[in-house]
Amino acid sequence: MKAAFTLEGKVAVVTGSGQGLGQGMALGLAEAGADIVGVNYGPTAETKEKVEALGRKYTELVADLSKEEEVYRVVKEALQSVDKVDILVNNAGIIRRTEVENFSDKDWHDVIDVNQHAVFKLCREFGKHMLENGSGRIINVASMLSYQGGLRVPSYTASKHAVAGLTKSFANEWAGRGVNVNAIAPGYFATANTAPLRADEDRSASILSRIPKGDWGTPDDLKGPVVFLASDASSYVTGHILCVDGGWMSS
């Protein structure tokens, strides 16, 4: 079974690998043997240092994924910098919080552009490369809000519902062509995105009361799931959304 989980000789593109969940998944993939192409809004010296300390190669691409031309540049430069891309992790995402009656058009479009439009285009473009090679793994990052409505985050909720649907759509078309497409739906993790929730004592207590594990997740909790979905161990798994939530969805 050890061989089924190895990623030796593989290259993984991870968007948003500079911190939080993206960094945790990038490190998990590197620990399993993969070289990493990190795509971020700014420099990611810490992730680069940690990946290279594991003996793996880290290639950094700086891009604003809200801009269509930047998405296509990322694909072009990634494929120029490595021989092939075996794994794509669509993790980069943003969130805006405002009551729905006051939610602005700008906040709507800003979130949809990164969380939905960029995910679709990166899946499609890197997927073409994987189809040519006859193999590949795409792992999108969904959310508990792929299933629920949430509070004060309409664009984020809509985008994460879309990520779930896109995952299934791509999986249906590519399952017989060597490219598996799945998603991870993290629960409530201690990251920058959830800082406002954790700072609100009442809201934090309400959230924790529903999590059977009783605490917030950490980036390390995504290492095993992402390696599983990126490796041969999940060769018969596609179109699946794996909840990593401390039991939230079952409570």
Protein backbone atom coordinates (compact mmCIF):
# COMPACT_ATOMS: atom_id res chain seq x y z
CA MET A 1 0.00 0.00 0.00
CA LYS A 2 2.89 2.39 0.60
CA ALA A 3 3.58 2.50 -3.14
CA ALA A 4 -0.05 3.43 -3.85
CA PHE A 5 0.30 6.63 -1.83
CA THR A 6 3.67 7.78 -3.16
CA LEU A 7 3.92 10.89 -5.35
CA GLU A 8 7.56 10.45 -6.29
CA GLY A 9 8.25 11.95 -9.70
CA LYS A 10 4.97 13.90 -9.73
CA VAL A 11 4.47 17.65 -10.08
CA ALA A 12 1.61 19.43 -8.32
CA VAL A 13 0.31 22.91 -9.03
CA VAL A 14 -1.19 24.36 -5.84
CA THR A 15 -2.94 27.71 -5.92
CA GLY A 16 -2.92 29.74 -2.73
CA SER A 17 0.00 27.75 -1.34
CA GLY A 18 1.45 30.66 0.62
CA GLN A 19 -0.41 30.10 3.86
CA GLY A 20 -3.17 28.25 5.62
CA LEU A 21 -4.84 25.30 3.95
CA GLY A 22 -2.91 25.73 0.71
CA GLN A 23 0.41 25.63 2.48
CA GLY A 24 -0.65 22.57 4.46
CA MET A 25 -1.66 20.70 1.30
CA ALA A 26 1.48 21.75 -0.57
CA LEU A 27 3.62 20.41 2.26
CA GLY A 28 1.64 17.18 2.41
CA LEU A 29 2.13 16.62 -1.31
CA ALA A 30 5.85 17.40 -0.99
CA GLU A 31 6.19 14.99 1.94
CA ALA A 32 4.70 12.31 -0.32
CA GLY A 33 7.33 13.04 -2.97
CA ALA A 34 5.86 15.67 -5.30
CA ASP A 35 7.54 18.80 -6.57
CA ILE A 36 5.39 21.91 -6.16
CA VAL A 37 4.45 24.81 -8.41
CA GLY A 38 2.96 27.37 -6.05
CA VAL A 39 0.62 30.04 -7.41
CA ASN A 40 0.00 33.00 -5.16
CA TYR A 41 -0.99 36.66 -5.08
CA GLY A 42 2.41 37.50 -3.58
CA PRO A 43 5.77 35.88 -2.73
CA THR A 44 5.73 32.74 -0.60
CA ALA A 45 9.19 32.47 0.91
CA GLU A 46 8.03 30.39 3.89
CA THR A 47 6.34 27.69 1.79
CA LYS A 48 9.28 27.58 -0.60
CA GLU A 49 11.70 27.12 2.30
CA LYS A 50 9.61 24.36 3.87
CA VAL A 51 9.14 22.46 0.61
CA GLU A 52 12.82 22.65 -0.26
CA ALA A 53 13.73 21.48 3.25
CA LEU A 54 11.88 18.28 2.34
CA GLY A 55 14.18 17.83 -0.64
CA ARG A 56 11.54 18.79 -3.19
CA LYS A 57 11.58 21.51 -5.83
CA TYR A 58 9.37 24.59 -5.42
CA THR A 59 8.58 26.85 -8.36
CA GLU A 60 6.84 30.10 -7.51
CA LEU A 61 4.38 31.91 -9.76
CA VAL A 62 2.90 35.23 -8.63
CA ALA A 63 -0.49 36.04 -10.13
CA ASP A 64 -3.85 37.71 -9.51
CA LEU A 65 -6.31 34.95 -10.36
CA SER A 66 -9.20 37.40 -10.50
CA LYS A 67 -7.85 38.51 -13.89
CA GLU A 68 -8.47 36.24 -16.86
CA GLU A 69 -5.16 37.02 -18.55
CA GLU A 70 -3.31 36.12 -15.34
CA VAL A 71 -5.00 32.73 -15.19
CA TYR A 72 -3.85 31.89 -18.70
CA ARG A 73 -0.34 33.20 -17.95
CA VAL A 74 -0.14 30.87 -14.95
CA VAL A 75 -0.97 27.87 -17.10
CA LYS A 76 1.56 28.87 -19.76
CA GLU A 77 4.39 29.58 -17.31
CA ALA A 78 3.72 26.48 -15.23
CA LEU A 79 3.92 24.22 -18.28
CA GLN A 80 7.08 26.01 -19.42
CA SER A 81 8.75 25.56 -16.04
CA VAL A 82 8.11 21.82 -15.62
CA ASP A 83 7.98 18.85 -17.98
CA LYS A 84 4.43 17.97 -17.00
CA VAL A 85 1.76 18.69 -14.42
CA ASP A 86 0.28 15.61 -12.76
CA ILE A 87 -1.79 17.22 -10.02
CA LEU A 88 -3.77 20.44 -9.77
CA VAL A 89 -5.06 21.71 -6.42
CA ASN A 90 -7.46 24.62 -6.86
CA ASN A 91 -7.25 26.09 -3.38
CA ALA A 92 -6.98 29.87 -3.87
CA GLY A 93 -10.09 31.69 -2.77
CA ILE A 94 -11.36 34.87 -1.16
CA ILE A 95 -14.37 35.76 1.00
CA ARG A 96 -16.36 38.93 1.69
CA ARG A 97 -18.78 39.29 4.60
CA THR A 98 -21.77 41.64 4.55
CA GLU A 99 -25.50 41.25 5.16
CA VAL A 100 -27.12 40.15 1.90
CA GLU A 101 -29.26 43.28 1.62
CA ASN A 102 -26.11 45.40 1.64
CA PHE A 103 -23.86 43.09 -0.37
CA SER A 104 -22.25 45.07 -3.20
CA ASP A 105 -21.89 44.08 -6.84
CA LYS A 106 -18.13 44.48 -6.46
CA ASP A 107 -17.95 42.03 -3.56
CA TRP A 108 -20.08 39.61 -5.56
CA HIS A 109 -17.91 39.73 -8.69
CA ASP A 110 -14.56 39.80 -6.83
CA VAL A 111 -15.33 36.51 -5.09
CA ILE A 112 -16.93 34.81 -8.09
CA ASP A 113 -13.99 35.72 -10.33
CA VAL A 114 -11.45 33.98 -8.06
CA ASN A 115 -13.47 31.18 -6.51
CA GLN A 116 -15.49 30.10 -9.53
CA HIS A 117 -14.28 31.52 -12.85
CA ALA A 118 -10.59 30.89 -12.18
CA VAL A 119 -11.30 27.36 -10.92
CA PHE A 120 -13.21 26.51 -14.10
CA LYS A 121 -10.47 27.88 -16.36
CA LEU A 122 -7.62 26.22 -14.46
CA CYS A 123 -9.45 22.88 -14.49
CA ARG A 124 -10.08 23.18 -18.21
CA GLU A 125 -6.60 24.34 -19.23
CA PHE A 126 -4.50 22.05 -17.04
CA GLY A 127 -7.01 19.29 -17.77
CA LYS A 128 -6.25 19.54 -21.49
CA HIS A 129 -2.58 18.91 -20.67
CA MET A 130 -3.47 15.95 -18.46
CA LEU A 131 -5.73 14.46 -21.11
CA GLU A 132 -2.87 14.61 -23.60
CA ASN A 133 -0.74 12.66 -21.10
CA GLY A 134 -3.54 10.21 -20.36
CA SER A 135 -3.48 10.79 -16.61
CA GLY A 136 -3.95 13.43 -13.95
CA ARG A 137 -5.55 14.37 -10.66
CA ILE A 138 -7.53 17.56 -10.08
CA ILE A 139 -8.54 18.44 -6.52
CA ASN A 140 -10.79 21.43 -6.02
CA VAL A 141 -11.37 22.99 -2.62
CA ALA A 142 -15.06 23.17 -1.85
CA SER A 143 -16.54 24.02 1.56
CA MET A 144 -19.25 23.25 4.07
CA LEU A 145 -20.96 26.09 2.19
CA SER A 146 -21.10 23.84 -0.85
CA TYR A 147 -24.01 22.31 1.09
CA GLN A 148 -25.31 25.12 3.27
CA GLY A 149 -26.29 28.78 2.93
CA GLY A 150 -24.06 30.35 5.55
CA LEU A 151 -24.44 33.85 6.96
CA ARG A 152 -23.34 37.12 5.34
CA VAL A 153 -21.35 35.36 2.57
CA PRO A 154 -23.66 35.02 -0.48
CA SER A 155 -20.94 35.18 -3.13
CA TYR A 156 -18.71 32.71 -1.28
CA THR A 157 -21.63 30.31 -0.82
CA ALA A 158 -22.61 30.56 -4.49
CA SER A 159 -19.03 30.01 -5.60
CA LYS A 160 -18.56 26.94 -3.40
CA HIS A 161 -21.81 25.42 -4.63
CA ALA A 162 -20.41 25.99 -8.12
CA VAL A 163 -17.12 24.30 -7.23
CA ALA A 164 -19.03 21.18 -6.19
CA GLY A 165 -20.97 21.18 -9.44
CA LEU A 166 -17.91 21.82 -11.60
CA THR A 167 -16.09 18.97 -9.88
CA LYS A 168 -18.85 16.53 -10.79
CA SER A 169 -19.20 17.89 -14.33
CA PHE A 170 -15.50 17.57 -15.18
CA ALA A 171 -15.33 14.16 -13.47
CA ASN A 172 -18.18 12.81 -15.58
CA GLU A 173 -16.50 13.75 -18.84
CA TRP A 174 -12.94 12.76 -17.97
CA ALA A 175 -13.38 9.64 -15.82
CA GLY A 176 -12.74 7.32 -18.74
CA ARG A 177 -9.79 9.31 -20.03
CA GLY A 178 -7.39 8.97 -17.11
CA VAL A 179 -8.12 12.23 -15.27
CA ASN A 180 -9.83 12.02 -11.88
CA VAL A 181 -11.54 15.15 -10.56
CA ASN A 182 -12.51 15.37 -6.89
CA ALA A 183 -12.92 18.00 -4.21
CA ILE A 184 -12.13 18.46 -0.55
CA ALA A 185 -14.72 20.30 1.54
CA PRO A 186 -12.93 21.60 4.63
CA GLY A 187 -14.98 22.29 7.70
CA TYR A 188 -14.13 25.08 10.12
CA PHE A 189 -10.36 25.53 10.12
CA ALA A 190 -8.16 27.98 11.98
CA THR A 191 -7.10 30.18 9.04
CA ALA A 192 -7.12 33.85 8.09
CA ASN A 193 -10.55 33.40 6.45
CA THR A 194 -12.12 32.29 9.73
CA ALA A 195 -10.35 34.82 11.97
CA PRO A 196 -13.49 37.01 12.27
CA LEU A 197 -15.54 33.98 13.32
CA ARG A 198 -13.01 32.87 15.91
CA ALA A 199 -12.77 36.42 17.27
CA ASP A 200 -16.53 36.47 17.90
CA GLU A 201 -16.86 34.49 21.14
CA ASP A 202 -20.55 33.68 20.70
CA ARG A 203 -20.19 32.67 17.04
CA SER A 204 -17.08 30.61 17.77
CA ALA A 205 -18.78 28.80 20.63
CA SER A 206 -21.81 28.08 18.44
CA ILE A 207 -19.62 26.60 15.72
CA LEU A 208 -17.54 24.48 18.09
CA SER A 209 -20.68 23.14 19.77
CA ARG A 210 -21.69 21.50 16.47
CA ILE A 211 -18.30 19.94 15.69
CA PRO A 212 -18.15 16.46 17.27
CA LYS A 213 -14.34 16.63 17.39
CA GLY A 214 -14.73 19.80 19.46
CA ASP A 215 -12.05 21.98 17.92
CA TRP A 216 -11.05 23.91 14.81
CA GLY A 217 -9.16 22.06 12.08
CA THR A 218 -5.55 22.85 11.20
CA PRO A 219 -3.79 22.85 7.80
CA ASP A 220 -2.03 19.62 8.76
CA ASP A 221 -5.43 17.90 8.82
CA LEU A 222 -5.62 18.20 5.03
CA LYS A 223 -2.30 16.51 4.29
CA GLY A 224 -3.64 12.95 4.31
CA PRO A 225 -6.82 13.69 2.33
CA VAL A 226 -5.00 15.60 -0.42
CA VAL A 227 -2.31 12.93 -0.78
CA PHE A 228 -5.00 10.25 -0.99
CA LEU A 229 -6.85 12.06 -3.78
CA ALA A 230 -3.63 12.88 -5.63
CA SER A 231 -2.26 9.34 -5.53
CA ASP A 232 -2.99 5.96 -7.08
CA ALA A 233 -4.69 5.00 -3.82
CA SER A 234 -7.78 6.84 -5.09
CA SER A 235 -7.66 5.57 -8.67
CA TYR A 236 -11.35 4.52 -8.59
CA VAL A 237 -12.54 7.71 -6.88
CA THR A 238 -13.80 10.56 -9.04
CA GLY A 239 -16.59 13.11 -8.81
CA HIS A 240 -16.43 12.85 -5.02
CA ILE A 241 -16.50 15.67 -2.47
CA LEU A 242 -14.59 14.58 0.62
CA CYS A 243 -15.69 16.40 3.77
CA VAL A 244 -12.85 17.01 6.21
CA ASP A 245 -14.87 18.63 8.94
CA GLY A 246 -14.43 17.00 12.34
CA GLY A 247 -17.91 15.52 11.95
CA TRP A 248 -19.77 18.77 11.20
CA MET A 249 -21.88 17.31 8.39
CA SER A 250 -22.94 14.33 10.47
CA SER A 251 -24.01 16.37 13.49
